[in-house]
Amino acid sequence: METAQEYTARLLGYVEGEKPLKVLSSTPKRIKKLIKGLKKKSLYKKPSPGKWSIAEITAHLAETELVMGWRYRSIAGKNEIRIQSFEQDDWAANSKYAETDFPGMIEMFGVLRKANLNFIAGLPKGKLENFGIHDERGKETIAHIIRLEAGHDVNHLRQIEAMVSSITKKKK
């Protein structure tokens, strides 16, 4: 099992040398481009037992964007707040990611992401150094969370790319 520190290092490694806001702004479009032409059934096919489908990953990204919006706004409003972690598997079960309305989720993800990027763009630069204390990872500034979220996007984009590649290879 990956520790919180290993998880953080892995995600940050995915965006080393990248512009995190550019990654964040492009992710919804990249998903749409990746899945273009896939049948609905393919969006819900799990790559293996216990792994998420493309639809489930997209639902996870959309709901994570809810969390990120709350975190950005809370930390910008009050420095040193507690950042509660969340159990993604519970969220997936409670929100029924496996049965999600994919078009609705990709739309929700895009709308929330745009709202959060607009919020970040409007923050005074000094606010990017405001921080919260994450239950598992400790002190995290808004700037750090932005990089972490970009790495999270890359992680899931890679998973989607692998699934799409597998699906398209089977078609040939």
N, C-alpha and C. Protein backbone atom coordinates (compact mmCIF):
# COMPACT_ATOMS: atom_id res chain seq x y z
N MET A 1 0.84 -1.19 0.00
CA MET A 1 0.00 0.00 0.00
C MET A 1 0.89 1.25 0.00
N GLU A 2 0.53 2.19 -0.81
CA GLU A 2 1.29 3.42 -0.96
C GLU A 2 1.03 4.35 0.23
N THR A 3 2.09 4.93 0.78
CA THR A 3 1.93 5.90 1.87
C THR A 3 1.48 7.24 1.30
N ALA A 4 1.03 8.13 2.17
CA ALA A 4 0.62 9.47 1.74
C ALA A 4 1.80 10.20 1.10
N GLN A 5 2.98 10.03 1.65
CA GLN A 5 4.17 10.69 1.11
C GLN A 5 4.54 10.12 -0.27
N GLU A 6 4.44 8.81 -0.43
CA GLU A 6 4.72 8.18 -1.73
C GLU A 6 3.70 8.62 -2.78
N TYR A 7 2.44 8.68 -2.37
CA TYR A 7 1.36 9.13 -3.26
C TYR A 7 1.64 10.56 -3.73
N THR A 8 1.96 11.43 -2.79
CA THR A 8 2.25 12.83 -3.12
C THR A 8 3.44 12.93 -4.08
N ALA A 9 4.51 12.21 -3.77
CA ALA A 9 5.70 12.25 -4.63
C ALA A 9 5.39 11.73 -6.03
N ARG A 10 4.60 10.68 -6.12
CA ARG A 10 4.25 10.12 -7.43
C ARG A 10 3.46 11.13 -8.25
N LEU A 11 2.43 11.72 -7.65
CA LEU A 11 1.60 12.68 -8.38
C LEU A 11 2.39 13.91 -8.79
N LEU A 12 3.20 14.43 -7.88
CA LEU A 12 4.01 15.61 -8.22
C LEU A 12 5.03 15.28 -9.31
N GLY A 13 5.52 14.05 -9.33
CA GLY A 13 6.45 13.62 -10.37
C GLY A 13 5.82 13.65 -11.75
N TYR A 14 4.53 13.40 -11.83
CA TYR A 14 3.83 13.41 -13.12
C TYR A 14 3.80 14.80 -13.76
N VAL A 15 3.90 15.84 -12.95
CA VAL A 15 3.80 17.20 -13.48
C VAL A 15 5.09 18.01 -13.33
N GLU A 16 6.17 17.31 -13.03
CA GLU A 16 7.46 18.00 -12.93
C GLU A 16 7.79 18.63 -14.28
N GLY A 17 8.08 19.93 -14.26
CA GLY A 17 8.40 20.65 -15.49
C GLY A 17 7.17 21.08 -16.29
N GLU A 18 6.00 20.74 -15.82
CA GLU A 18 4.75 21.11 -16.50
C GLU A 18 4.15 22.34 -15.82
N LYS A 19 3.23 22.99 -16.53
CA LYS A 19 2.47 24.09 -15.94
C LYS A 19 1.16 23.50 -15.42
N PRO A 20 1.02 23.39 -14.10
CA PRO A 20 -0.14 22.72 -13.53
C PRO A 20 -1.49 23.28 -13.98
N LEU A 21 -1.60 24.61 -14.09
CA LEU A 21 -2.88 25.19 -14.50
C LEU A 21 -3.22 24.82 -15.94
N LYS A 22 -2.21 24.66 -16.77
CA LYS A 22 -2.43 24.23 -18.15
C LYS A 22 -2.94 22.78 -18.17
N VAL A 23 -2.33 21.94 -17.35
CA VAL A 23 -2.80 20.55 -17.23
C VAL A 23 -4.26 20.53 -16.78
N LEU A 24 -4.55 21.29 -15.73
CA LEU A 24 -5.91 21.31 -15.18
C LEU A 24 -6.92 21.82 -16.21
N SER A 25 -6.57 22.85 -16.94
CA SER A 25 -7.52 23.42 -17.90
C SER A 25 -7.77 22.50 -19.09
N SER A 26 -6.82 21.65 -19.41
CA SER A 26 -6.96 20.79 -20.59
C SER A 26 -7.60 19.43 -20.32
N THR A 27 -7.67 19.02 -19.08
CA THR A 27 -8.11 17.65 -18.78
C THR A 27 -9.51 17.31 -19.28
N PRO A 28 -10.54 18.13 -19.03
CA PRO A 28 -11.87 17.74 -19.54
C PRO A 28 -11.89 17.54 -21.06
N LYS A 29 -11.21 18.42 -21.79
CA LYS A 29 -11.17 18.29 -23.26
C LYS A 29 -10.38 17.06 -23.66
N ARG A 30 -9.31 16.77 -22.95
CA ARG A 30 -8.50 15.59 -23.28
C ARG A 30 -9.31 14.31 -23.10
N ILE A 31 -10.11 14.25 -22.06
CA ILE A 31 -10.94 13.06 -21.85
C ILE A 31 -11.93 12.92 -23.01
N LYS A 32 -12.59 14.02 -23.36
CA LYS A 32 -13.54 13.96 -24.48
C LYS A 32 -12.87 13.51 -25.77
N LYS A 33 -11.66 14.00 -26.01
CA LYS A 33 -10.93 13.62 -27.22
C LYS A 33 -10.54 12.14 -27.17
N LEU A 34 -10.09 11.68 -26.02
CA LEU A 34 -9.68 10.29 -25.87
C LEU A 34 -10.82 9.31 -26.13
N ILE A 35 -12.01 9.66 -25.66
CA ILE A 35 -13.13 8.71 -25.74
C ILE A 35 -13.97 8.87 -27.00
N LYS A 36 -13.62 9.84 -27.83
CA LYS A 36 -14.39 10.09 -29.04
C LYS A 36 -14.46 8.81 -29.88
N GLY A 37 -15.67 8.46 -30.25
CA GLY A 37 -15.89 7.29 -31.08
C GLY A 37 -16.06 5.98 -30.32
N LEU A 38 -15.86 6.00 -29.00
CA LEU A 38 -16.06 4.78 -28.23
C LEU A 38 -17.55 4.53 -28.01
N LYS A 39 -17.91 3.28 -27.98
CA LYS A 39 -19.30 2.92 -27.67
C LYS A 39 -19.53 3.09 -26.18
N LYS A 40 -20.79 3.37 -25.84
CA LYS A 40 -21.15 3.58 -24.44
C LYS A 40 -20.70 2.41 -23.57
N LYS A 41 -20.86 1.21 -24.07
CA LYS A 41 -20.49 0.01 -23.33
C LYS A 41 -19.00 0.05 -22.94
N SER A 42 -18.17 0.56 -23.83
CA SER A 42 -16.73 0.64 -23.56
C SER A 42 -16.40 1.58 -22.40
N LEU A 43 -17.21 2.63 -22.23
CA LEU A 43 -16.97 3.59 -21.15
C LEU A 43 -17.19 2.97 -19.77
N TYR A 44 -18.00 1.92 -19.71
CA TYR A 44 -18.35 1.29 -18.44
C TYR A 44 -17.61 -0.03 -18.19
N LYS A 45 -16.77 -0.43 -19.13
CA LYS A 45 -16.03 -1.69 -19.00
C LYS A 45 -14.82 -1.48 -18.10
N LYS A 46 -14.75 -2.30 -17.06
CA LYS A 46 -13.62 -2.23 -16.13
C LYS A 46 -12.43 -2.95 -16.76
N PRO A 47 -11.23 -2.37 -16.64
CA PRO A 47 -10.07 -3.02 -17.22
C PRO A 47 -9.71 -4.34 -16.53
N SER A 48 -10.06 -4.44 -15.25
CA SER A 48 -9.87 -5.67 -14.47
C SER A 48 -10.69 -5.53 -13.18
N PRO A 49 -10.95 -6.64 -12.51
CA PRO A 49 -11.74 -6.56 -11.27
C PRO A 49 -11.09 -5.61 -10.26
N GLY A 50 -11.90 -4.78 -9.64
CA GLY A 50 -11.41 -3.84 -8.64
C GLY A 50 -10.85 -2.54 -9.21
N LYS A 51 -10.79 -2.42 -10.53
CA LYS A 51 -10.31 -1.20 -11.17
C LYS A 51 -11.50 -0.44 -11.75
N TRP A 52 -11.36 0.86 -11.83
CA TRP A 52 -12.46 1.70 -12.33
C TRP A 52 -12.48 1.74 -13.85
N SER A 53 -13.68 1.88 -14.37
CA SER A 53 -13.90 2.10 -15.81
C SER A 53 -13.65 3.57 -16.13
N ILE A 54 -13.70 3.90 -17.41
CA ILE A 54 -13.55 5.29 -17.84
C ILE A 54 -14.66 6.14 -17.23
N ALA A 55 -15.89 5.63 -17.22
CA ALA A 55 -17.01 6.37 -16.64
C ALA A 55 -16.80 6.60 -15.15
N GLU A 56 -16.31 5.59 -14.45
CA GLU A 56 -16.07 5.73 -13.01
C GLU A 56 -14.95 6.72 -12.72
N ILE A 57 -13.91 6.69 -13.50
CA ILE A 57 -12.81 7.65 -13.32
C ILE A 57 -13.33 9.06 -13.54
N THR A 58 -14.15 9.24 -14.55
CA THR A 58 -14.69 10.57 -14.85
C THR A 58 -15.60 11.05 -13.71
N ALA A 59 -16.40 10.16 -13.17
CA ALA A 59 -17.25 10.52 -12.03
C ALA A 59 -16.38 10.90 -10.83
N HIS A 60 -15.31 10.15 -10.62
CA HIS A 60 -14.38 10.45 -9.54
C HIS A 60 -13.75 11.83 -9.74
N LEU A 61 -13.32 12.14 -10.95
CA LEU A 61 -12.74 13.45 -11.23
C LEU A 61 -13.75 14.57 -10.98
N ALA A 62 -15.00 14.34 -11.38
CA ALA A 62 -16.04 15.36 -11.17
C ALA A 62 -16.27 15.60 -9.68
N GLU A 63 -16.37 14.53 -8.91
CA GLU A 63 -16.62 14.70 -7.48
C GLU A 63 -15.38 15.21 -6.75
N THR A 64 -14.20 14.83 -7.22
CA THR A 64 -12.98 15.38 -6.65
C THR A 64 -12.94 16.89 -6.87
N GLU A 65 -13.46 17.33 -8.00
CA GLU A 65 -13.48 18.77 -8.29
C GLU A 65 -14.37 19.51 -7.29
N LEU A 66 -15.44 18.86 -6.82
CA LEU A 66 -16.25 19.44 -5.74
C LEU A 66 -15.39 19.66 -4.50
N VAL A 67 -14.63 18.64 -4.15
CA VAL A 67 -13.77 18.69 -2.97
C VAL A 67 -12.71 19.79 -3.13
N MET A 68 -12.08 19.83 -4.29
CA MET A 68 -11.03 20.81 -4.53
C MET A 68 -11.58 22.23 -4.45
N GLY A 69 -12.75 22.45 -5.00
CA GLY A 69 -13.37 23.77 -4.92
C GLY A 69 -13.57 24.20 -3.47
N TRP A 70 -14.03 23.27 -2.66
CA TRP A 70 -14.23 23.55 -1.24
C TRP A 70 -12.89 23.85 -0.58
N ARG A 71 -11.89 23.04 -0.86
CA ARG A 71 -10.57 23.24 -0.25
C ARG A 71 -9.96 24.57 -0.65
N TYR A 72 -9.96 24.88 -1.94
CA TYR A 72 -9.39 26.16 -2.39
C TYR A 72 -10.05 27.33 -1.69
N ARG A 73 -11.37 27.32 -1.67
CA ARG A 73 -12.11 28.44 -1.09
C ARG A 73 -11.93 28.52 0.42
N SER A 74 -11.93 27.38 1.08
CA SER A 74 -11.76 27.36 2.53
C SER A 74 -10.39 27.85 2.95
N ILE A 75 -9.36 27.38 2.26
CA ILE A 75 -7.99 27.77 2.60
C ILE A 75 -7.76 29.24 2.26
N ALA A 76 -8.29 29.70 1.15
CA ALA A 76 -8.14 31.12 0.79
C ALA A 76 -8.83 32.00 1.82
N GLY A 77 -9.94 31.51 2.38
CA GLY A 77 -10.69 32.28 3.36
C GLY A 77 -10.07 32.28 4.74
N LYS A 78 -9.43 31.18 5.10
CA LYS A 78 -8.86 31.09 6.45
C LYS A 78 -7.61 30.22 6.41
N ASN A 79 -6.50 30.83 6.65
CA ASN A 79 -5.22 30.13 6.67
C ASN A 79 -5.20 29.10 7.81
N GLU A 80 -4.50 28.01 7.60
CA GLU A 80 -4.25 26.97 8.61
C GLU A 80 -5.50 26.16 8.98
N ILE A 81 -6.46 26.04 8.07
CA ILE A 81 -7.64 25.23 8.40
C ILE A 81 -7.31 23.75 8.29
N ARG A 82 -8.13 22.94 8.89
CA ARG A 82 -8.01 21.49 8.79
C ARG A 82 -8.59 21.05 7.44
N ILE A 83 -7.87 20.19 6.72
CA ILE A 83 -8.34 19.64 5.46
C ILE A 83 -8.68 18.17 5.70
N GLN A 84 -9.95 17.88 5.65
CA GLN A 84 -10.38 16.50 5.87
C GLN A 84 -10.14 15.67 4.61
N SER A 85 -9.60 14.48 4.80
CA SER A 85 -9.44 13.57 3.67
C SER A 85 -10.80 12.94 3.37
N PHE A 86 -10.88 12.29 2.22
CA PHE A 86 -12.12 11.58 1.93
C PHE A 86 -11.80 10.21 1.38
N GLU A 87 -12.68 9.26 1.63
CA GLU A 87 -12.49 7.89 1.20
C GLU A 87 -13.14 7.73 -0.17
N GLN A 88 -12.29 7.70 -1.22
CA GLN A 88 -12.81 7.67 -2.59
C GLN A 88 -13.66 6.45 -2.87
N ASP A 89 -13.36 5.32 -2.27
CA ASP A 89 -14.17 4.12 -2.53
C ASP A 89 -15.58 4.25 -1.95
N ASP A 90 -15.69 4.92 -0.80
CA ASP A 90 -17.02 5.18 -0.23
C ASP A 90 -17.81 6.14 -1.14
N TRP A 91 -17.13 7.17 -1.62
CA TRP A 91 -17.79 8.11 -2.53
C TRP A 91 -18.24 7.38 -3.79
N ALA A 92 -17.39 6.52 -4.32
CA ALA A 92 -17.73 5.77 -5.54
C ALA A 92 -18.95 4.89 -5.32
N ALA A 93 -19.00 4.22 -4.17
CA ALA A 93 -20.14 3.35 -3.87
C ALA A 93 -21.41 4.17 -3.63
N ASN A 94 -21.30 5.21 -2.82
CA ASN A 94 -22.47 6.02 -2.49
C ASN A 94 -23.03 6.77 -3.69
N SER A 95 -22.16 7.21 -4.57
CA SER A 95 -22.61 7.94 -5.76
C SER A 95 -22.85 7.03 -6.96
N LYS A 96 -22.62 5.75 -6.76
CA LYS A 96 -22.86 4.75 -7.81
C LYS A 96 -22.11 5.08 -9.11
N TYR A 97 -20.80 5.26 -8.97
CA TYR A 97 -19.97 5.58 -10.13
C TYR A 97 -20.14 4.58 -11.27
N ALA A 98 -20.32 3.30 -10.93
CA ALA A 98 -20.45 2.26 -11.96
C ALA A 98 -21.70 2.45 -12.82
N GLU A 99 -22.67 3.18 -12.30
CA GLU A 99 -23.92 3.41 -13.04
C GLU A 99 -24.08 4.87 -13.45
N THR A 100 -23.02 5.63 -13.34
CA THR A 100 -23.10 7.07 -13.55
C THR A 100 -23.57 7.45 -14.96
N ASP A 101 -24.16 8.61 -15.04
CA ASP A 101 -24.54 9.21 -16.32
C ASP A 101 -23.28 9.86 -16.87
N PHE A 102 -22.57 9.16 -17.76
CA PHE A 102 -21.29 9.67 -18.24
C PHE A 102 -21.39 11.07 -18.83
N PRO A 103 -22.31 11.35 -19.76
CA PRO A 103 -22.39 12.71 -20.30
C PRO A 103 -22.60 13.77 -19.21
N GLY A 104 -23.41 13.44 -18.23
CA GLY A 104 -23.65 14.37 -17.12
C GLY A 104 -22.40 14.59 -16.29
N MET A 105 -21.66 13.53 -16.06
CA MET A 105 -20.44 13.63 -15.23
C MET A 105 -19.34 14.41 -15.95
N ILE A 106 -19.16 14.17 -17.24
CA ILE A 106 -18.11 14.90 -17.95
C ILE A 106 -18.48 16.38 -18.03
N GLU A 107 -19.77 16.66 -18.16
CA GLU A 107 -20.23 18.06 -18.16
C GLU A 107 -20.01 18.69 -16.79
N MET A 108 -20.39 17.98 -15.73
CA MET A 108 -20.20 18.49 -14.37
C MET A 108 -18.72 18.75 -14.09
N PHE A 109 -17.88 17.82 -14.51
CA PHE A 109 -16.44 17.98 -14.31
C PHE A 109 -15.95 19.25 -15.00
N GLY A 110 -16.34 19.45 -16.25
CA GLY A 110 -15.90 20.63 -17.00
C GLY A 110 -16.36 21.94 -16.38
N VAL A 111 -17.61 21.97 -15.94
CA VAL A 111 -18.18 23.19 -15.34
C VAL A 111 -17.49 23.50 -14.01
N LEU A 112 -17.33 22.49 -13.16
CA LEU A 112 -16.69 22.71 -11.86
C LEU A 112 -15.22 23.09 -12.03
N ARG A 113 -14.54 22.42 -12.97
CA ARG A 113 -13.13 22.73 -13.20
C ARG A 113 -12.98 24.18 -13.65
N LYS A 114 -13.83 24.61 -14.58
CA LYS A 114 -13.76 25.99 -15.07
C LYS A 114 -14.01 26.97 -13.92
N ALA A 115 -15.00 26.69 -13.08
CA ALA A 115 -15.29 27.57 -11.95
C ALA A 115 -14.11 27.63 -10.99
N ASN A 116 -13.48 26.50 -10.73
CA ASN A 116 -12.34 26.48 -9.82
C ASN A 116 -11.13 27.20 -10.42
N LEU A 117 -10.89 27.03 -11.71
CA LEU A 117 -9.79 27.74 -12.35
C LEU A 117 -10.03 29.25 -12.35
N ASN A 118 -11.28 29.66 -12.54
CA ASN A 118 -11.61 31.08 -12.48
C ASN A 118 -11.38 31.62 -11.06
N PHE A 119 -11.74 30.82 -10.07
CA PHE A 119 -11.52 31.22 -8.68
C PHE A 119 -10.02 31.40 -8.42
N ILE A 120 -9.24 30.43 -8.82
CA ILE A 120 -7.79 30.48 -8.61
C ILE A 120 -7.19 31.70 -9.33
N ALA A 121 -7.63 31.94 -10.55
CA ALA A 121 -7.10 33.07 -11.33
C ALA A 121 -7.40 34.40 -10.66
N GLY A 122 -8.49 34.48 -9.91
CA GLY A 122 -8.87 35.72 -9.25
C GLY A 122 -8.24 35.93 -7.88
N LEU A 123 -7.52 34.94 -7.40
CA LEU A 123 -6.89 35.07 -6.08
C LEU A 123 -5.67 35.99 -6.14
N PRO A 124 -5.50 36.83 -5.13
CA PRO A 124 -4.23 37.56 -5.04
C PRO A 124 -3.10 36.53 -4.88
N LYS A 125 -1.95 36.78 -5.50
CA LYS A 125 -0.83 35.83 -5.49
C LYS A 125 -0.48 35.34 -4.08
N GLY A 126 -0.52 36.22 -3.12
CA GLY A 126 -0.18 35.85 -1.76
C GLY A 126 -1.07 34.76 -1.19
N LYS A 127 -2.30 34.69 -1.64
CA LYS A 127 -3.25 33.68 -1.15
C LYS A 127 -2.85 32.27 -1.57
N LEU A 128 -2.07 32.15 -2.66
CA LEU A 128 -1.64 30.82 -3.11
C LEU A 128 -0.75 30.14 -2.07
N GLU A 129 -0.20 30.93 -1.14
CA GLU A 129 0.64 30.37 -0.08
C GLU A 129 -0.14 30.11 1.20
N ASN A 130 -1.44 30.47 1.22
CA ASN A 130 -2.28 30.06 2.35
C ASN A 130 -2.26 28.54 2.39
N PHE A 131 -2.39 28.00 3.58
CA PHE A 131 -2.32 26.54 3.68
C PHE A 131 -3.36 25.98 4.63
N GLY A 132 -3.62 24.71 4.40
CA GLY A 132 -4.43 23.93 5.31
C GLY A 132 -3.60 22.77 5.81
N ILE A 133 -4.11 22.08 6.81
CA ILE A 133 -3.43 20.91 7.36
C ILE A 133 -4.25 19.68 6.99
N HIS A 134 -3.75 18.92 6.03
CA HIS A 134 -4.44 17.73 5.57
C HIS A 134 -4.30 16.62 6.61
N ASP A 135 -5.39 15.88 6.83
CA ASP A 135 -5.40 14.80 7.82
C ASP A 135 -4.27 13.80 7.64
N GLU A 136 -3.93 13.50 6.39
CA GLU A 136 -2.93 12.46 6.12
C GLU A 136 -1.60 13.01 5.62
N ARG A 137 -1.64 14.15 4.93
CA ARG A 137 -0.43 14.64 4.25
C ARG A 137 0.19 15.87 4.92
N GLY A 138 -0.46 16.43 5.91
CA GLY A 138 0.11 17.58 6.61
C GLY A 138 -0.14 18.89 5.88
N LYS A 139 0.79 19.83 6.07
CA LYS A 139 0.64 21.19 5.54
C LYS A 139 0.64 21.18 4.01
N GLU A 140 -0.41 21.82 3.44
CA GLU A 140 -0.53 21.95 1.98
C GLU A 140 -1.01 23.35 1.62
N THR A 141 -0.19 24.06 0.84
CA THR A 141 -0.60 25.38 0.36
C THR A 141 -1.54 25.20 -0.83
N ILE A 142 -2.23 26.27 -1.18
CA ILE A 142 -3.08 26.24 -2.38
C ILE A 142 -2.22 25.93 -3.60
N ALA A 143 -1.05 26.54 -3.70
CA ALA A 143 -0.16 26.29 -4.84
C ALA A 143 0.23 24.82 -4.92
N HIS A 144 0.51 24.21 -3.78
CA HIS A 144 0.86 22.79 -3.73
C HIS A 144 -0.33 21.92 -4.14
N ILE A 145 -1.50 22.27 -3.66
CA ILE A 145 -2.71 21.50 -4.00
C ILE A 145 -2.98 21.56 -5.50
N ILE A 146 -2.73 22.70 -6.10
CA ILE A 146 -2.91 22.84 -7.55
C ILE A 146 -1.98 21.86 -8.28
N ARG A 147 -0.72 21.80 -7.87
CA ARG A 147 0.23 20.86 -8.50
C ARG A 147 -0.20 19.41 -8.25
N LEU A 148 -0.65 19.13 -7.04
CA LEU A 148 -1.09 17.78 -6.69
C LEU A 148 -2.31 17.38 -7.53
N GLU A 149 -3.24 18.31 -7.69
CA GLU A 149 -4.43 18.02 -8.48
C GLU A 149 -4.06 17.79 -9.95
N ALA A 150 -3.12 18.55 -10.47
CA ALA A 150 -2.67 18.35 -11.85
C ALA A 150 -2.06 16.96 -12.00
N GLY A 151 -1.25 16.54 -11.03
CA GLY A 151 -0.69 15.19 -11.06
C GLY A 151 -1.76 14.13 -10.98
N HIS A 152 -2.79 14.39 -10.18
CA HIS A 152 -3.95 13.49 -10.07
C HIS A 152 -4.63 13.34 -11.43
N ASP A 153 -4.78 14.45 -12.14
CA ASP A 153 -5.35 14.41 -13.49
C ASP A 153 -4.51 13.53 -14.41
N VAL A 154 -3.19 13.76 -14.40
CA VAL A 154 -2.30 12.99 -15.28
C VAL A 154 -2.39 11.50 -14.95
N ASN A 155 -2.43 11.17 -13.68
CA ASN A 155 -2.57 9.78 -13.25
C ASN A 155 -3.80 9.15 -13.91
N HIS A 156 -4.94 9.84 -13.80
CA HIS A 156 -6.18 9.27 -14.35
C HIS A 156 -6.23 9.34 -15.87
N LEU A 157 -5.63 10.36 -16.46
CA LEU A 157 -5.55 10.41 -17.92
C LEU A 157 -4.76 9.23 -18.46
N ARG A 158 -3.69 8.88 -17.79
CA ARG A 158 -2.89 7.71 -18.20
C ARG A 158 -3.72 6.43 -18.13
N GLN A 159 -4.53 6.32 -17.09
CA GLN A 159 -5.39 5.14 -16.97
C GLN A 159 -6.40 5.09 -18.11
N ILE A 160 -7.00 6.23 -18.41
CA ILE A 160 -7.98 6.30 -19.51
C ILE A 160 -7.29 5.99 -20.83
N GLU A 161 -6.12 6.56 -21.06
CA GLU A 161 -5.37 6.30 -22.30
C GLU A 161 -5.10 4.80 -22.47
N ALA A 162 -4.70 4.14 -21.39
CA ALA A 162 -4.42 2.70 -21.45
C ALA A 162 -5.69 1.91 -21.79
N MET A 163 -6.81 2.29 -21.19
CA MET A 163 -8.07 1.59 -21.48
C MET A 163 -8.49 1.82 -22.92
N VAL A 164 -8.39 3.05 -23.40
CA VAL A 164 -8.77 3.35 -24.78
C VAL A 164 -7.87 2.58 -25.74
N SER A 165 -6.59 2.55 -25.44
CA SER A 165 -5.65 1.81 -26.29
C SER A 165 -6.02 0.32 -26.34
N SER A 166 -6.35 -0.24 -25.21
CA SER A 166 -6.75 -1.64 -25.15
C SER A 166 -8.03 -1.90 -25.95
N ILE A 167 -8.98 -1.00 -25.83
CA ILE A 167 -10.26 -1.14 -26.53
C ILE A 167 -10.04 -1.04 -28.05
N THR A 168 -9.25 -0.07 -28.47
CA THR A 168 -9.05 0.12 -29.91
C THR A 168 -8.20 -0.99 -30.52
N LYS A 169 -7.27 -1.58 -29.75
CA LYS A 169 -6.48 -2.71 -30.24
C LYS A 169 -7.36 -3.93 -30.47
N LYS A 170 -8.33 -4.14 -29.58
CA LYS A 170 -9.24 -5.28 -29.71
C LYS A 170 -10.14 -5.16 -30.93
N LYS A 171 -10.41 -3.91 -31.34
CA LYS A 171 -11.26 -3.68 -32.51
C LYS A 171 -10.56 -4.05 -33.81
N LYS A 172 -9.23 -4.00 -33.80
CA LYS A 172 -8.46 -4.23 -35.04
C LYS A 172 -8.31 -5.69 -35.36
